[in-house]
Amino acid sequence: MEDVTLITFSGLPGSGKSSVCRYLVESSALPSYHILVVRFDDFIGEEDAQVGDKALVYGQNAETAVSWREKRLELLSAVEWLVQVLLGEVTSVTGPSLGGFLASVKHQSLCPCILSDGVIDRSCKHIIILDDNMYYSSMRYPYFTLARRFSLRFGQLHLQCPVEVAVERNSLRQSLVTQETIEHMSSKLEVPGAKPWETSCVVCDATRGLSEIVDAVKELLAAVTVPTPPLDHVAILLKKMESQVITRANVQHQIDQVLRKCVSAAMKELQVGEDRQRLAGVLNDRRRTILTSLKTGSLSVNQIVEDVADLPAGCDDVLSYCVTQYFHQHSHAHHSTPSQS
């Protein structure tokens, strides 16, 4: 039986994600597994990745941010193809020609399953590691749903790194991320484990030695499980949407109406003397970001609903309640960001 585990690595630039991945691939630390590392920077190019990160983190250059999200969706499709190859659902190993993805995967000689010409040994165990900053949970969620759809084991390893250490390590790299971007990214970083769907997570001190971090990876592998079906209220909403034949555009329109009510309610609660113009800009920026993410596919209705662990008794409008909760949770994290409108 095919055995595939999907693991996301997250952390600041310079936290050591790529170093850990290289060690896992080149050493015999996990002899029972074939390890495939998928790096977002290899796929899009490190310079473009940094530009996209900066645009998203600062809320600037919407066109760049959207293009960057679209690249992430392309990478998700490529990873899905890789999963299908390993599971035997796709027989061709030529795959999609997407950036440096295939080159990145095929040059990892530890996995002869992918290197061989049309002959794939699916009796071995595979680990696909997603090596990326993944500072928002919305970046990790699509891989959770991918794992759930294909019944893969799924886990998350986060390298917790002090900003000053990340900045120092980053200064030694060939391709640098600015200190300002690292500091700003740190202020927005969402550590795995806060969402109801984030169950198999290990947070590791990035300043520890490689052997200790590898032990953390082993701990994670022992704990990962196949994701459970959607939470009850998620299933209820999806069934309702299906029965009513609600189109994607209609759902986005409904969500926009709820978000506008959230902004209006928040403005009414302002205390005397607060900067109304600044806060209105922040809240509307957040509303637009959510809508853009829905349109580009980097955020799904499932994720918004699944971010809410429980519904209050007698809740009739699941979508409105969950959208309101999602907006408030994420707006609090972004109130310190000046409006770029």
Protein backbone atom coordinates (compact mmCIF):
# COMPACT_ATOMS: atom_id res chain seq x y z
CA MET A 1 0.00 0.00 0.00
CA GLU A 2 1.30 3.48 -0.90
CA ASP A 3 2.53 5.42 2.14
CA VAL A 4 2.75 9.20 1.77
CA THR A 5 3.14 11.82 4.49
CA LEU A 6 2.83 15.54 3.80
CA ILE A 7 4.65 17.91 6.17
CA THR A 8 4.81 21.70 6.07
CA PHE A 9 7.91 23.47 7.42
CA SER A 10 7.27 27.03 8.55
CA GLY A 11 9.34 29.78 10.12
CA LEU A 12 11.06 33.08 9.45
CA PRO A 13 13.69 33.42 6.72
CA GLY A 14 16.94 32.31 8.34
CA SER A 15 15.24 30.02 10.88
CA GLY A 16 16.99 27.00 9.33
CA LYS A 17 14.21 25.28 7.38
CA SER A 18 16.27 24.62 4.26
CA SER A 19 19.29 23.49 6.30
CA VAL A 20 17.14 20.92 8.11
CA CYS A 21 15.68 19.74 4.78
CA ARG A 22 19.15 19.34 3.25
CA TYR A 23 20.31 17.37 6.27
CA LEU A 24 17.28 15.06 6.11
CA VAL A 25 17.83 14.41 2.38
CA GLU A 26 21.61 13.94 2.54
CA SER A 27 21.89 12.01 5.80
CA SER A 28 20.42 8.69 6.88
CA ALA A 29 18.45 10.31 9.69
CA LEU A 30 15.19 8.82 8.37
CA PRO A 31 16.31 5.62 6.63
CA SER A 32 12.78 4.23 6.28
CA TYR A 33 11.62 7.09 4.08
CA HIS A 34 12.26 8.61 0.68
CA ILE A 35 12.21 12.35 1.24
CA LEU A 36 11.07 14.87 -1.36
CA VAL A 37 11.58 18.54 -0.54
CA VAL A 38 9.47 21.10 -2.39
CA ARG A 39 10.79 24.65 -1.98
CA PHE A 40 8.59 27.56 -3.00
CA ASP A 41 11.72 29.61 -3.76
CA ASP A 42 12.91 26.95 -6.26
CA PHE A 43 9.54 27.07 -7.95
CA ILE A 44 9.15 30.82 -8.32
CA GLY A 45 12.76 32.00 -7.93
CA GLU A 46 14.11 33.48 -4.70
CA GLU A 47 14.05 37.10 -5.88
CA ASP A 48 10.42 36.91 -7.02
CA ALA A 49 9.46 35.08 -3.82
CA GLN A 50 10.92 37.91 -1.73
CA VAL A 51 9.06 40.55 -3.74
CA GLY A 52 5.82 38.61 -3.30
CA ASP A 53 6.38 38.11 0.43
CA LYS A 54 6.98 41.83 0.91
CA ALA A 55 3.87 42.77 -1.08
CA LEU A 56 1.68 40.44 0.96
CA VAL A 57 3.17 41.23 4.36
CA TYR A 58 2.98 45.01 3.93
CA GLY A 59 -0.26 45.06 1.97
CA GLN A 60 1.46 46.92 -0.85
CA ASN A 61 1.44 46.37 -4.60
CA ALA A 62 -1.80 44.39 -4.88
CA GLU A 63 -0.97 43.22 -8.41
CA THR A 64 2.29 41.61 -7.22
CA ALA A 65 0.55 40.03 -4.23
CA VAL A 66 -2.17 38.52 -6.43
CA SER A 67 0.42 37.16 -8.90
CA TRP A 68 2.34 35.70 -5.97
CA ARG A 69 -0.81 33.96 -4.67
CA GLU A 70 -1.45 32.58 -8.15
CA LYS A 71 2.07 31.10 -8.16
CA ARG A 72 1.28 29.41 -4.86
CA LEU A 73 -1.83 27.87 -6.41
CA GLU A 74 0.26 26.59 -9.32
CA LEU A 75 2.67 25.01 -6.87
CA LEU A 76 -0.23 23.41 -5.01
CA SER A 77 -1.36 21.85 -8.30
CA ALA A 78 2.16 20.56 -8.93
CA VAL A 79 2.30 19.00 -5.46
CA GLU A 80 -1.08 17.40 -6.10
CA TRP A 81 0.33 15.86 -9.31
CA LEU A 82 3.31 14.54 -7.33
CA VAL A 83 0.98 12.98 -4.77
CA GLN A 84 -1.01 11.30 -7.53
CA VAL A 85 2.21 9.91 -9.04
CA LEU A 86 3.28 8.44 -5.69
CA LEU A 87 -0.19 6.98 -5.11
CA GLY A 88 -0.30 5.41 -8.57
CA GLU A 89 -3.21 7.55 -9.74
CA VAL A 90 -1.03 9.08 -12.49
CA THR A 91 1.26 6.87 -14.54
CA SER A 92 3.33 9.55 -16.29
CA VAL A 93 6.37 10.88 -14.46
CA THR A 94 6.91 13.73 -16.89
CA GLY A 95 4.47 15.96 -15.03
CA PRO A 96 3.69 19.63 -15.44
CA SER A 97 6.50 21.95 -16.53
CA LEU A 98 6.14 24.51 -13.77
CA GLY A 99 9.17 26.62 -12.99
CA GLY A 100 11.88 24.80 -11.09
CA PHE A 101 9.49 22.31 -9.50
CA LEU A 102 10.44 19.16 -11.40
CA ALA A 103 14.12 20.06 -11.38
CA SER A 104 13.96 20.55 -7.63
CA VAL A 105 12.27 17.20 -7.08
CA LYS A 106 14.16 15.11 -9.63
CA HIS A 107 17.59 16.21 -8.45
CA GLN A 108 16.93 14.69 -5.03
CA SER A 109 18.71 11.40 -5.66
CA LEU A 110 17.44 9.87 -2.43
CA CYS A 111 14.18 9.10 -4.19
CA PRO A 112 14.79 6.70 -7.11
CA CYS A 113 11.03 6.31 -7.46
CA ILE A 114 10.84 9.64 -9.26
CA LEU A 115 14.15 9.37 -11.08
CA SER A 116 13.47 6.07 -12.80
CA ASP A 117 12.14 6.14 -16.36
CA GLY A 118 8.50 5.31 -16.00
CA VAL A 119 9.08 2.66 -13.31
CA ILE A 120 7.94 3.80 -9.89
CA ASP A 121 8.41 1.69 -6.78
CA ARG A 122 5.37 2.56 -4.71
CA SER A 123 6.11 0.08 -1.93
CA CYS A 124 8.40 2.57 -0.15
CA LYS A 125 7.40 5.30 2.26
CA HIS A 126 7.53 8.89 1.07
CA ILE A 127 7.64 12.19 2.90
CA ILE A 128 6.87 15.34 0.95
CA ILE A 129 8.22 18.37 2.82
CA LEU A 130 6.94 21.84 1.90
CA ASP A 131 9.80 24.21 2.68
CA ASP A 132 8.44 27.75 2.90
CA ASN A 133 7.91 30.59 5.37
CA MET A 134 4.15 29.84 5.57
CA TYR A 135 3.65 32.53 8.18
CA TYR A 136 -0.15 32.62 7.67
CA SER A 137 -2.31 29.59 8.45
CA SER A 138 -4.07 30.27 5.12
CA MET A 139 -0.84 29.25 3.37
CA ARG A 140 -0.82 25.88 5.14
CA TYR A 141 -4.52 25.07 5.01
CA PRO A 142 -4.62 24.07 1.28
CA TYR A 143 -2.06 21.34 1.99
CA PHE A 144 -4.16 20.11 4.90
CA THR A 145 -7.16 19.80 2.60
CA LEU A 146 -4.99 18.10 -0.03
CA ALA A 147 -3.90 15.55 2.57
CA ARG A 148 -7.48 15.00 3.65
CA ARG A 149 -8.66 14.54 0.07
CA PHE A 150 -6.03 11.88 -0.72
CA SER A 151 -5.98 10.33 2.79
CA LEU A 152 -2.35 11.28 3.42
CA ARG A 153 -0.84 11.74 6.85
CA PHE A 154 -0.35 15.43 7.57
CA GLY A 155 1.78 17.33 10.04
CA GLN A 156 3.41 20.70 10.62
CA LEU A 157 6.87 21.56 11.93
CA HIS A 158 7.45 25.16 12.93
CA LEU A 159 10.94 26.48 13.66
CA GLN A 160 10.52 29.15 16.31
CA CYS A 161 13.36 31.60 15.83
CA PRO A 162 14.16 34.91 17.56
CA VAL A 163 14.18 37.77 15.07
CA GLU A 164 17.77 38.73 15.87
CA VAL A 165 18.96 35.17 15.18
CA ALA A 166 17.00 35.01 11.90
CA VAL A 167 18.44 38.36 10.80
CA GLU A 168 21.99 37.25 11.64
CA ARG A 169 21.66 33.93 9.81
CA ASN A 170 19.99 35.59 6.85
CA SER A 171 22.93 37.98 6.50
CA LEU A 172 25.13 34.97 5.68
CA ARG A 173 22.93 33.80 2.81
CA GLN A 174 23.52 34.58 -0.83
CA SER A 175 19.98 35.78 -1.38
CA LEU A 176 19.05 38.20 1.40
CA VAL A 177 15.67 39.13 2.83
CA THR A 178 15.69 42.61 4.33
CA GLN A 179 15.75 42.94 8.11
CA GLU A 180 12.63 45.10 7.93
CA THR A 181 10.72 42.36 6.10
CA ILE A 182 11.80 39.69 8.61
CA GLU A 183 10.74 41.88 11.53
CA HIS A 184 7.39 42.69 9.93
CA MET A 185 6.82 39.04 9.00
CA SER A 186 7.52 38.06 12.62
CA SER A 187 4.79 40.43 13.82
CA LYS A 188 2.25 38.73 11.55
CA LEU A 189 3.39 35.12 11.93
CA GLU A 190 0.66 32.64 12.91
CA VAL A 191 2.28 29.72 14.72
CA PRO A 192 0.69 26.34 13.87
CA GLY A 193 -1.65 24.88 16.46
CA ALA A 194 -4.13 27.74 16.91
CA LYS A 195 -6.75 26.49 14.44
CA PRO A 196 -9.15 23.58 15.08
CA TRP A 197 -7.74 21.69 12.07
CA GLU A 198 -4.11 22.06 13.22
CA THR A 199 -3.73 18.98 15.38
CA SER A 200 -0.43 17.33 14.40
CA CYS A 201 2.03 20.16 15.05
CA VAL A 202 5.47 20.41 16.61
CA VAL A 203 7.00 23.79 17.46
CA CYS A 204 10.78 23.51 17.73
CA ASP A 205 13.41 25.94 18.98
CA ALA A 206 15.36 26.88 15.85
CA THR A 207 18.49 27.62 17.90
CA ARG A 208 18.82 23.96 18.88
CA GLY A 209 21.29 21.67 17.11
CA LEU A 210 20.39 19.73 13.98
CA SER A 211 20.21 16.42 15.84
CA GLU A 212 17.62 17.83 18.27
CA ILE A 213 15.56 19.29 15.43
CA VAL A 214 15.68 15.93 13.63
CA ASP A 215 14.40 14.35 16.86
CA ALA A 216 11.49 16.80 16.68
CA VAL A 217 10.81 15.67 13.09
CA LYS A 218 10.78 12.06 14.28
CA GLU A 219 8.40 13.03 17.09
CA LEU A 220 6.12 14.61 14.51
CA LEU A 221 6.23 11.57 12.23
CA ALA A 222 5.19 9.37 15.15
CA ALA A 223 2.21 11.63 15.81
CA VAL A 224 0.88 12.43 12.32
CA THR A 225 -2.44 10.97 11.33
CA VAL A 226 -4.76 11.10 8.34
CA PRO A 227 -6.88 14.27 8.75
CA THR A 228 -10.38 13.67 10.04
CA PRO A 229 -13.46 14.56 7.99
CA PRO A 230 -14.69 18.16 8.13
CA LEU A 231 -16.20 19.41 11.39
CA ASP A 232 -19.97 18.94 11.66
CA HIS A 233 -20.88 22.57 10.98
CA VAL A 234 -18.58 22.59 7.94
CA ALA A 235 -20.33 19.55 6.50
CA ILE A 236 -23.73 21.08 7.25
CA LEU A 237 -22.89 24.32 5.46
CA LEU A 238 -21.41 22.57 2.43
CA LYS A 239 -24.46 20.32 2.15
CA LYS A 240 -26.74 23.35 2.38
CA MET A 241 -24.76 25.21 -0.27
CA GLU A 242 -24.90 22.18 -2.57
CA SER A 243 -28.65 21.70 -2.11
CA GLN A 244 -29.30 25.37 -2.86
CA VAL A 245 -26.96 25.34 -5.86
CA ILE A 246 -25.25 28.47 -4.57
CA THR A 247 -22.65 29.68 -7.04
CA ARG A 248 -19.18 30.80 -6.06
CA ALA A 249 -20.03 34.37 -7.07
CA ASN A 250 -23.14 34.35 -4.87
CA VAL A 251 -21.14 33.12 -1.89
CA GLN A 252 -18.53 35.83 -2.38
CA HIS A 253 -21.30 38.44 -2.61
CA GLN A 254 -22.82 37.17 0.65
CA ILE A 255 -19.41 37.25 2.33
CA ASP A 256 -18.81 40.81 1.11
CA GLN A 257 -22.11 41.91 2.64
CA VAL A 258 -21.20 40.32 5.97
CA LEU A 259 -17.73 41.92 5.92
CA ARG A 260 -19.21 45.37 5.26
CA LYS A 261 -21.48 44.92 8.30
CA CYS A 262 -18.42 43.93 10.36
CA VAL A 263 -16.57 47.10 9.34
CA SER A 264 -19.63 49.25 10.09
CA ALA A 265 -20.12 47.63 13.53
CA ALA A 266 -16.45 48.06 14.42
CA MET A 267 -16.56 51.76 13.49
CA LYS A 268 -19.62 52.32 15.72
CA GLU A 269 -17.71 50.86 18.70
CA LEU A 270 -14.86 53.37 18.41
CA GLN A 271 -14.05 55.40 21.50
CA VAL A 272 -13.93 59.19 21.37
CA GLY A 273 -10.55 60.40 20.17
CA GLU A 274 -9.61 57.25 18.24
CA ASP A 275 -8.29 57.70 14.71
CA ARG A 276 -11.42 56.83 12.72
CA GLN A 277 -9.85 57.37 9.32
CA ARG A 278 -6.84 55.16 10.06
CA LEU A 279 -8.94 52.33 11.52
CA ALA A 280 -11.47 52.52 8.69
CA GLY A 281 -8.58 52.12 6.25
CA VAL A 282 -7.21 49.13 8.16
CA LEU A 283 -10.59 47.39 8.37
CA ASN A 284 -11.45 47.99 4.72
CA ASP A 285 -7.98 46.81 3.67
CA ARG A 286 -8.66 43.59 5.57
CA ARG A 287 -12.10 43.22 3.95
CA ARG A 288 -10.60 43.66 0.48
CA THR A 289 -7.76 41.24 1.26
CA ILE A 290 -10.23 38.53 2.26
CA LEU A 291 -12.30 39.06 -0.90
CA THR A 292 -9.21 39.06 -3.14
CA SER A 293 -7.98 35.86 -1.49
CA LEU A 294 -11.36 34.22 -2.14
CA LYS A 295 -11.31 35.30 -5.79
CA THR A 296 -7.77 34.03 -6.40
CA GLY A 297 -8.40 30.78 -4.52
CA SER A 298 -5.75 31.29 -1.84
CA LEU A 299 -8.58 31.33 0.72
CA SER A 300 -11.62 29.07 0.63
CA VAL A 301 -15.05 29.16 2.22
CA ASN A 302 -14.16 25.82 3.83
CA GLN A 303 -11.20 27.40 5.58
CA ILE A 304 -13.22 30.35 6.89
CA VAL A 305 -15.82 28.00 8.31
CA GLU A 306 -13.30 25.47 9.60
CA ASP A 307 -11.45 28.18 11.54
CA VAL A 308 -14.42 28.21 13.95
CA ALA A 309 -14.27 25.28 16.34
CA ASP A 310 -17.87 25.44 17.59
CA LEU A 311 -21.13 27.16 16.74
CA PRO A 312 -23.47 28.72 19.34
CA ALA A 313 -26.66 26.78 19.94
CA GLY A 314 -29.42 27.68 17.54
CA CYS A 315 -27.17 29.33 14.96
CA ASP A 316 -29.18 29.49 11.74
CA ASP A 317 -26.76 31.40 9.50
CA VAL A 318 -23.52 29.41 9.67
CA LEU A 319 -21.78 31.34 6.92
CA SER A 320 -22.44 34.80 8.41
CA TYR A 321 -21.38 33.72 11.89
CA CYS A 322 -18.15 32.12 10.67
CA VAL A 323 -17.25 35.01 8.37
CA THR A 324 -17.79 37.46 11.25
CA GLN A 325 -15.58 35.40 13.57
CA TYR A 326 -12.89 35.05 10.91
CA PHE A 327 -12.89 38.80 10.21
CA HIS A 328 -12.57 39.72 13.87
CA GLN A 329 -9.83 37.15 14.56
CA HIS A 330 -7.72 38.34 11.67
CA SER A 331 -8.49 42.03 12.02
CA HIS A 332 -7.16 42.10 15.59
CA ALA A 333 -3.87 40.73 14.27
CA HIS A 334 -3.69 43.47 11.63
CA HIS A 335 -4.88 46.58 13.45
CA SER A 336 -1.33 47.79 13.93
CA THR A 337 -0.76 47.84 10.16
CA PRO A 338 -1.14 51.29 8.62
CA SER A 339 -3.55 51.55 5.73
CA GLN A 340 -1.98 51.49 2.29
CA SER A 341 -5.08 52.82 0.53
